[in-house]
Protein backbone atom coordinates (compact mmCIF):
# COMPACT_ATOMS: atom_id res chain seq x y z
CA UNK A 1 97.77 -121.19 -57.43
CA UNK A 2 98.02 -122.35 -60.95
CA UNK A 3 100.14 -119.72 -62.86
CA UNK A 4 97.94 -120.14 -65.95
CA UNK A 5 95.19 -118.29 -64.10
CA UNK A 6 97.28 -115.07 -64.77
CA UNK A 7 96.71 -115.80 -68.46
CA UNK A 8 93.12 -116.92 -68.13
CA UNK A 9 92.18 -113.61 -66.31
CA UNK A 10 94.60 -111.33 -68.17
CA UNK A 11 91.80 -108.98 -69.44
CA UNK A 12 90.11 -108.82 -66.14
CA UNK A 13 93.33 -108.21 -64.28
CA UNK A 14 94.01 -105.32 -66.68
CA UNK A 15 90.60 -104.02 -65.87
CA UNK A 16 91.28 -104.05 -62.15
CA UNK A 17 94.65 -102.27 -62.79
CA UNK A 18 92.82 -99.66 -64.90
CA UNK A 19 90.51 -98.98 -62.00
CA UNK A 20 93.47 -98.78 -59.62
CA UNK A 21 95.01 -96.03 -61.86
CA UNK A 22 91.70 -94.06 -61.91
CA UNK A 23 91.52 -94.23 -58.09
CA UNK A 24 95.16 -93.32 -57.53
CA UNK A 25 94.62 -90.10 -59.56
CA UNK A 26 91.91 -88.86 -57.20
CA UNK A 27 94.28 -87.68 -54.38
CA UNK A 28 96.77 -86.40 -57.11
CA UNK A 29 93.94 -84.35 -58.58
CA UNK A 30 93.29 -82.81 -55.16
CA UNK A 31 90.06 -84.61 -54.13
CA UNK A 32 89.62 -83.82 -50.35
CA UNK A 33 89.96 -86.98 -48.24
CA UNK A 34 91.52 -88.04 -44.95
CA UNK A 35 95.35 -88.31 -45.08
CA UNK A 36 95.42 -92.08 -44.52
CA UNK A 37 92.78 -92.71 -47.24
CA UNK A 38 94.77 -90.57 -49.61
CA UNK A 39 97.97 -92.40 -49.00
CA UNK A 40 96.08 -95.77 -49.54
CA UNK A 41 94.42 -94.68 -52.76
CA UNK A 42 97.70 -93.32 -54.00
CA UNK A 43 99.06 -96.90 -53.91
CA UNK A 44 96.78 -97.48 -56.83
CA UNK A 45 99.68 -96.43 -58.97
CA UNK A 46 100.66 -100.07 -58.73
CA UNK A 47 98.12 -100.60 -61.43
CA UNK A 48 100.70 -99.32 -63.99
CA UNK A 49 103.09 -101.93 -62.75
CA UNK A 50 100.42 -104.51 -63.30
CA UNK A 51 99.92 -103.33 -66.82
CA UNK A 52 103.64 -103.71 -67.41
CA UNK A 53 103.78 -107.25 -65.95
CA UNK A 54 100.85 -108.43 -68.05
CA UNK A 55 102.28 -106.62 -71.08
CA UNK A 56 105.52 -108.62 -70.56
CA UNK A 57 103.47 -111.82 -70.47
CA UNK A 58 101.78 -110.85 -73.67
CA UNK A 59 104.96 -109.89 -75.48
CA UNK A 60 106.57 -113.25 -74.58
CA UNK A 61 103.48 -115.20 -75.77
CA UNK A 62 103.34 -113.25 -79.12
CA UNK A 63 107.15 -113.58 -79.81
CA UNK A 64 107.18 -117.27 -78.87
CA UNK A 65 104.91 -118.00 -81.80
CA UNK A 66 107.73 -117.09 -84.17
CA UNK A 67 106.06 -114.13 -85.65
CA UNK A 68 107.64 -111.87 -88.25
CA UNK A 69 109.32 -109.03 -86.24
CA UNK A 70 108.23 -106.30 -88.76
CA UNK A 71 104.60 -107.47 -88.20
CA UNK A 72 105.11 -107.73 -84.40
CA UNK A 73 106.39 -104.11 -84.20
CA UNK A 74 103.57 -103.02 -86.55
CA UNK A 75 100.93 -104.65 -84.50
CA UNK A 76 102.24 -103.28 -81.22
CA UNK A 77 102.68 -99.68 -82.27
CA UNK A 78 99.43 -99.56 -84.24
CA UNK A 79 97.58 -100.71 -81.07
CA UNK A 80 99.15 -97.89 -79.12
CA UNK A 81 99.24 -95.01 -81.59
CA UNK A 82 95.72 -95.18 -83.09
CA UNK A 83 93.89 -94.80 -79.73
CA UNK A 84 96.62 -92.48 -78.55
CA UNK A 85 96.16 -90.24 -81.70
CA UNK A 86 92.30 -90.45 -81.49
CA UNK A 87 92.30 -89.53 -77.84
CA UNK A 88 94.11 -86.26 -78.51
CA UNK A 89 91.56 -84.93 -81.06
CA UNK A 90 88.74 -83.79 -78.70
CA UNK A 91 91.33 -82.06 -76.46
CA UNK A 92 93.12 -80.43 -79.40
CA UNK A 93 89.67 -79.16 -80.61
CA UNK A 94 88.88 -77.76 -77.12
CA UNK A 95 92.23 -76.05 -76.89
CA UNK A 96 91.87 -74.67 -80.36
CA UNK A 97 88.33 -73.33 -79.61
CA UNK A 98 89.80 -71.31 -76.48
CA UNK A 99 92.77 -70.04 -78.46
CA UNK A 100 95.49 -72.04 -76.45
CA UNK A 101 96.31 -74.51 -79.25
CA UNK A 102 100.07 -74.42 -80.32
CA UNK A 103 101.01 -76.90 -83.04
CA UNK A 104 104.67 -77.01 -82.06
CA UNK A 105 103.69 -77.61 -78.39
CA UNK A 106 101.15 -80.30 -79.24
CA UNK A 107 103.72 -82.00 -81.44
CA UNK A 108 106.27 -82.09 -78.61
CA UNK A 109 103.62 -83.54 -76.23
CA UNK A 110 102.23 -86.07 -78.77
CA UNK A 111 105.71 -87.29 -79.80
CA UNK A 112 106.33 -87.77 -76.05
CA UNK A 113 109.48 -85.48 -76.31
CA UNK A 114 107.77 -83.09 -73.96
CA UNK A 115 107.67 -85.90 -71.39
CA UNK A 116 111.35 -86.76 -71.53
CA UNK A 117 112.31 -83.02 -71.35
CA UNK A 118 109.72 -81.55 -69.07
CA UNK A 119 107.78 -84.45 -67.56
CA UNK A 120 104.55 -83.40 -69.43
CA UNK A 121 102.26 -85.88 -71.15
CA UNK A 122 101.36 -89.66 -71.11
CA UNK A 123 104.49 -91.17 -69.42
CA UNK A 124 103.30 -94.73 -69.91
CA UNK A 125 103.05 -94.29 -73.64
CA UNK A 126 106.52 -92.64 -73.49
CA UNK A 127 107.90 -95.70 -71.82
CA UNK A 128 106.24 -98.30 -74.04
CA UNK A 129 107.87 -96.99 -77.21
CA UNK A 130 111.51 -97.66 -76.37
CA UNK A 131 110.49 -100.73 -74.24
CA UNK A 132 108.80 -102.40 -77.15
CA UNK A 133 111.78 -101.67 -79.42
CA UNK A 134 114.10 -103.69 -77.20
CA UNK A 135 111.61 -106.40 -76.24
CA UNK A 136 112.69 -108.90 -78.98
CA UNK A 137 116.34 -108.58 -77.83
CA UNK A 138 115.23 -109.35 -74.22
CA UNK A 139 113.15 -112.25 -75.50
CA UNK A 140 116.19 -113.70 -77.16
CA UNK A 141 118.19 -113.34 -74.00
CA UNK A 142 115.46 -115.15 -72.04
CA UNK A 143 115.68 -118.15 -74.47
CA UNK A 144 119.03 -118.93 -72.82
CA UNK A 145 119.16 -121.47 -70.02
CA UNK A 146 119.67 -119.06 -67.11
CA UNK A 147 116.59 -116.93 -67.75
CA UNK A 148 115.89 -116.14 -64.18
CA UNK A 149 119.51 -115.21 -63.40
CA UNK A 150 119.33 -112.80 -66.50
CA UNK A 151 116.12 -111.39 -65.33
CA UNK A 152 117.53 -110.87 -61.84
CA UNK A 153 120.60 -109.16 -63.23
CA UNK A 154 118.32 -106.82 -65.37
CA UNK A 155 116.33 -105.95 -62.20
CA UNK A 156 119.44 -105.21 -60.12
CA UNK A 157 120.99 -103.02 -62.80
CA UNK A 158 117.76 -101.05 -63.22
CA UNK A 159 117.45 -100.51 -59.52
CA UNK A 160 121.03 -99.35 -59.19
CA UNK A 161 120.96 -97.09 -62.28
CA UNK A 162 117.72 -95.55 -61.30
CA UNK A 163 119.11 -94.72 -57.80
CA UNK A 164 122.20 -92.93 -59.08
CA UNK A 165 122.59 -89.35 -57.94
CA UNK A 166 122.51 -87.23 -61.16
CA UNK A 167 122.73 -83.86 -59.42
CA UNK A 168 126.08 -83.46 -61.09
CA UNK A 169 124.42 -82.68 -64.37
CA UNK A 170 122.72 -79.38 -65.20
CA UNK A 171 120.09 -78.02 -67.56
CA UNK A 172 117.90 -80.09 -69.78
CA UNK A 173 120.26 -83.11 -69.63
CA UNK A 174 119.55 -83.29 -65.84
CA UNK A 175 115.81 -83.25 -66.55
CA UNK A 176 116.00 -85.94 -69.16
CA UNK A 177 118.19 -88.22 -66.96
CA UNK A 178 115.88 -87.77 -64.07
CA UNK A 179 112.80 -88.66 -66.25
CA UNK A 180 114.59 -91.73 -67.51
CA UNK A 181 115.28 -92.88 -64.01
CA UNK A 182 111.82 -92.13 -62.86
CA UNK A 183 110.19 -94.02 -65.81
CA UNK A 184 112.50 -97.01 -66.17
CA UNK A 185 112.27 -97.69 -62.55
CA UNK A 186 108.98 -99.40 -63.43
CA UNK A 187 110.53 -101.68 -66.07
CA UNK A 188 111.25 -104.59 -63.53
CA UNK A 189 107.57 -105.45 -63.69
CA UNK A 190 107.90 -105.91 -67.36
CA UNK A 191 110.99 -107.95 -67.16
CA UNK A 192 109.54 -110.29 -64.55
CA UNK A 193 106.40 -110.71 -66.63
CA UNK A 194 108.50 -111.88 -69.60
CA UNK A 195 110.62 -114.11 -67.38
CA UNK A 196 107.67 -115.91 -65.72
CA UNK A 197 105.70 -116.12 -69.01
CA UNK A 198 106.87 -119.79 -69.75
CA UNK A 199 105.75 -120.82 -66.29
CA UNK A 200 102.43 -119.14 -66.88
CA UNK A 201 101.99 -120.90 -70.19
CA UNK A 202 102.83 -124.30 -68.65
CA UNK A 203 100.41 -123.72 -65.80
CA UNK A 204 102.94 -124.33 -63.00
CA UNK A 205 101.47 -124.53 -59.50
CA UNK A 206 102.96 -122.06 -57.06
CA UNK A 207 102.12 -121.76 -53.29
CA UNK A 208 100.02 -118.65 -52.72
CA UNK A 209 101.88 -117.92 -49.50
CA UNK A 210 105.16 -117.73 -51.40
CA UNK A 211 103.65 -115.48 -54.06
CA UNK A 212 102.42 -113.09 -51.36
CA UNK A 213 104.99 -113.28 -48.53
CA UNK A 214 108.32 -113.51 -50.51
CA UNK A 215 107.67 -110.52 -52.70
CA UNK A 216 106.57 -108.36 -49.64
CA UNK A 217 109.66 -109.43 -47.91
CA UNK A 218 111.89 -108.44 -50.89
CA UNK A 219 109.96 -105.09 -50.89
CA UNK A 220 110.72 -104.50 -47.30
CA UNK A 221 114.39 -105.34 -47.51
CA UNK A 222 114.96 -103.22 -50.63
CA UNK A 223 113.35 -100.24 -49.03
CA UNK A 224 115.36 -100.63 -45.82
CA UNK A 225 118.63 -100.97 -47.74
CA UNK A 226 117.96 -98.10 -50.11
CA UNK A 227 116.24 -95.61 -47.73
CA UNK A 228 113.22 -95.61 -49.99
CA UNK A 229 115.05 -94.04 -52.93
CA UNK A 230 114.28 -97.08 -55.29
CA UNK A 231 111.10 -97.71 -57.05
CA UNK A 232 109.87 -100.90 -55.57
CA UNK A 233 106.25 -101.11 -56.65
CA UNK A 234 107.03 -104.08 -58.83
CA UNK A 235 107.66 -106.20 -55.75
CA UNK A 236 103.95 -105.91 -54.95
CA UNK A 237 102.69 -107.01 -58.34
CA UNK A 238 102.58 -110.82 -57.79
CA UNK A 239 100.89 -110.44 -54.28
CA UNK A 240 98.22 -108.09 -55.69
CA UNK A 241 97.57 -110.35 -58.75
CA UNK A 242 97.33 -113.39 -56.42
CA UNK A 243 94.64 -111.69 -54.39
CA UNK A 244 92.85 -110.48 -57.50
CA UNK A 245 92.94 -113.95 -59.00
CA UNK A 246 91.33 -115.43 -55.82
CA UNK A 247 88.55 -112.72 -55.96
CA UNK A 248 87.90 -113.33 -59.79
CA UNK A 249 87.65 -117.03 -59.17
CA UNK A 250 84.88 -116.25 -56.64
CA UNK A 251 83.03 -113.73 -58.78
CA UNK A 252 79.91 -114.76 -60.72
CA UNK A 253 81.10 -114.79 -64.31
CA UNK A 254 77.77 -113.53 -65.51
CA UNK A 255 77.52 -110.64 -62.79
CA UNK A 256 77.59 -107.02 -63.82
CA UNK A 257 80.70 -106.36 -61.79
CA UNK A 258 82.69 -109.25 -63.67
CA UNK A 259 81.44 -107.89 -67.03
CA UNK A 260 82.43 -104.32 -66.06
CA UNK A 261 85.86 -105.35 -64.97
CA UNK A 262 86.31 -107.32 -68.14
CA UNK A 263 85.22 -104.32 -70.28
CA UNK A 264 87.62 -102.01 -68.51
CA UNK A 265 90.38 -104.47 -69.33
CA UNK A 266 89.54 -104.11 -72.96
CA UNK A 267 89.67 -100.30 -72.85
CA UNK A 268 92.58 -100.07 -70.32
CA UNK A 269 94.79 -97.90 -72.46
CA UNK A 270 92.00 -95.59 -73.48
CA UNK A 271 90.76 -95.18 -69.91
CA UNK A 272 94.25 -94.34 -68.71
CA UNK A 273 94.66 -91.71 -71.37
CA UNK A 274 91.13 -90.31 -71.00
CA UNK A 275 91.75 -90.05 -67.20
CA UNK A 276 94.94 -88.05 -67.37
CA UNK A 277 93.80 -85.63 -70.11
CA UNK A 278 90.32 -85.11 -68.51
CA UNK A 279 92.05 -84.38 -65.10
CA UNK A 280 94.09 -81.62 -66.69
CA UNK A 281 91.36 -80.13 -68.77
CA UNK A 282 88.61 -80.15 -66.06
CA UNK A 283 90.93 -78.62 -63.51
CA UNK A 284 91.73 -75.72 -65.87
CA UNK A 285 87.97 -75.12 -66.47
CA UNK A 286 86.85 -75.42 -62.72
CA UNK A 287 89.77 -73.83 -60.85
CA UNK A 288 88.65 -70.18 -61.55
CA UNK A 289 85.17 -71.12 -60.39
CA UNK A 290 85.90 -72.83 -57.09
CA UNK A 291 85.60 -69.78 -54.95
CA UNK A 292 82.22 -68.82 -56.35
CA UNK A 293 80.44 -72.27 -56.12
CA UNK A 294 80.36 -74.27 -52.94
CA UNK A 295 79.31 -77.42 -54.96
CA UNK A 296 82.86 -77.53 -56.30
CA UNK A 297 84.33 -77.77 -52.75
CA UNK A 298 86.65 -80.80 -52.20
CA UNK A 299 86.78 -81.67 -55.93
CA UNK A 300 84.20 -84.44 -55.59
CA UNK A 301 81.91 -83.25 -58.42
CA UNK A 302 84.89 -82.59 -60.68
CA UNK A 303 86.45 -85.99 -60.27
CA UNK A 304 83.03 -87.78 -60.68
CA UNK A 305 82.78 -85.94 -63.98
CA UNK A 306 86.36 -86.99 -64.92
CA UNK A 307 85.41 -90.71 -64.28
CA UNK A 308 82.07 -90.69 -66.02
CA UNK A 309 83.19 -88.74 -69.07
CA UNK A 310 86.38 -90.82 -69.02
CA UNK A 311 84.42 -94.06 -69.27
CA UNK A 312 82.25 -92.62 -72.07
CA UNK A 313 85.30 -91.31 -74.00
CA UNK A 314 87.09 -94.59 -73.53
CA UNK A 315 84.11 -96.43 -75.00
CA UNK A 316 83.82 -94.27 -78.13
CA UNK A 317 87.63 -94.15 -78.84
CA UNK A 318 87.94 -97.97 -78.34
CA UNK A 319 85.12 -98.60 -80.85
CA UNK A 320 86.66 -96.20 -83.44
CA UNK A 321 90.13 -97.62 -82.79
CA UNK A 322 89.02 -101.11 -83.33
CA UNK A 323 87.37 -100.27 -86.69
CA UNK A 324 90.49 -98.47 -87.94
CA UNK A 325 92.78 -101.18 -86.74
CA UNK A 326 90.70 -103.88 -88.39
CA UNK A 327 90.59 -101.95 -91.71
CA UNK A 328 94.44 -101.53 -91.49
CA UNK A 329 94.99 -105.19 -90.99
CA UNK A 330 92.65 -106.07 -93.89
CA UNK A 331 94.43 -103.69 -96.17
CA UNK A 332 97.76 -105.23 -95.21
């Protein structure tokens, strides 16, 4: 497979990753399904690792152009915070209308402080903020000759640190460290994306069997050695992307399916945010009614509403975000 296909289909791959995240939240939400199917759909959390891998590619590409760091940071954080802020508004209004709005609580959640202290909020956004801050430093390290050795050391250190027993700590410090371990255990996907970016740009050809079999073998070995305590989803990113690229190559580029996947890639951040916020909101509304209405049994109707309203909300927030971002760039 030509590695450049990962760049060619970057938007579509993000769209598939967004759909994986939506699917994986179904069993977490409580949608009734067979145990095996629930375990299979839960693996859709790998979509976040795909986001991180592709984000690593994108960061390397943008930094390799020699951009001004101030403008680079500005562009990255604006792209996150404008849709992130706009997505809060309808949910703030809803909580205000039912009398459950707390300015201090909403600030803690929006600022991501609440995630690090109590594991509440959009953890993906909470991770991106510190990760983007250190990305230029990682990029400079990867300009050295031993890029893959440095990346490997990064991954090993992250695995070891995220496996450390932190039960020796107590109180909020314990919770913060636990959340740091849980979140930064996904960072290897981003590191690998940055390390492979030059190969993707050059369009290096790699054997598909190697891209699939070798990472799965690494996944198996790490899980055996660590007794499943380490986050190893990043091992499955390249095999999954290889399969997705093969499928995208066979899809009709003018088909509704291809166009929908492409659109989902453009609103991937918005769809993630809409899904997690709608899951929490719809559950609060519906839970008291479940015993009285059989139509709510199994959570099928609820999660269908979450998906449909999530798509609509993603569309509206994305349109509004693009207009604001465009005006911001014009004014600067």
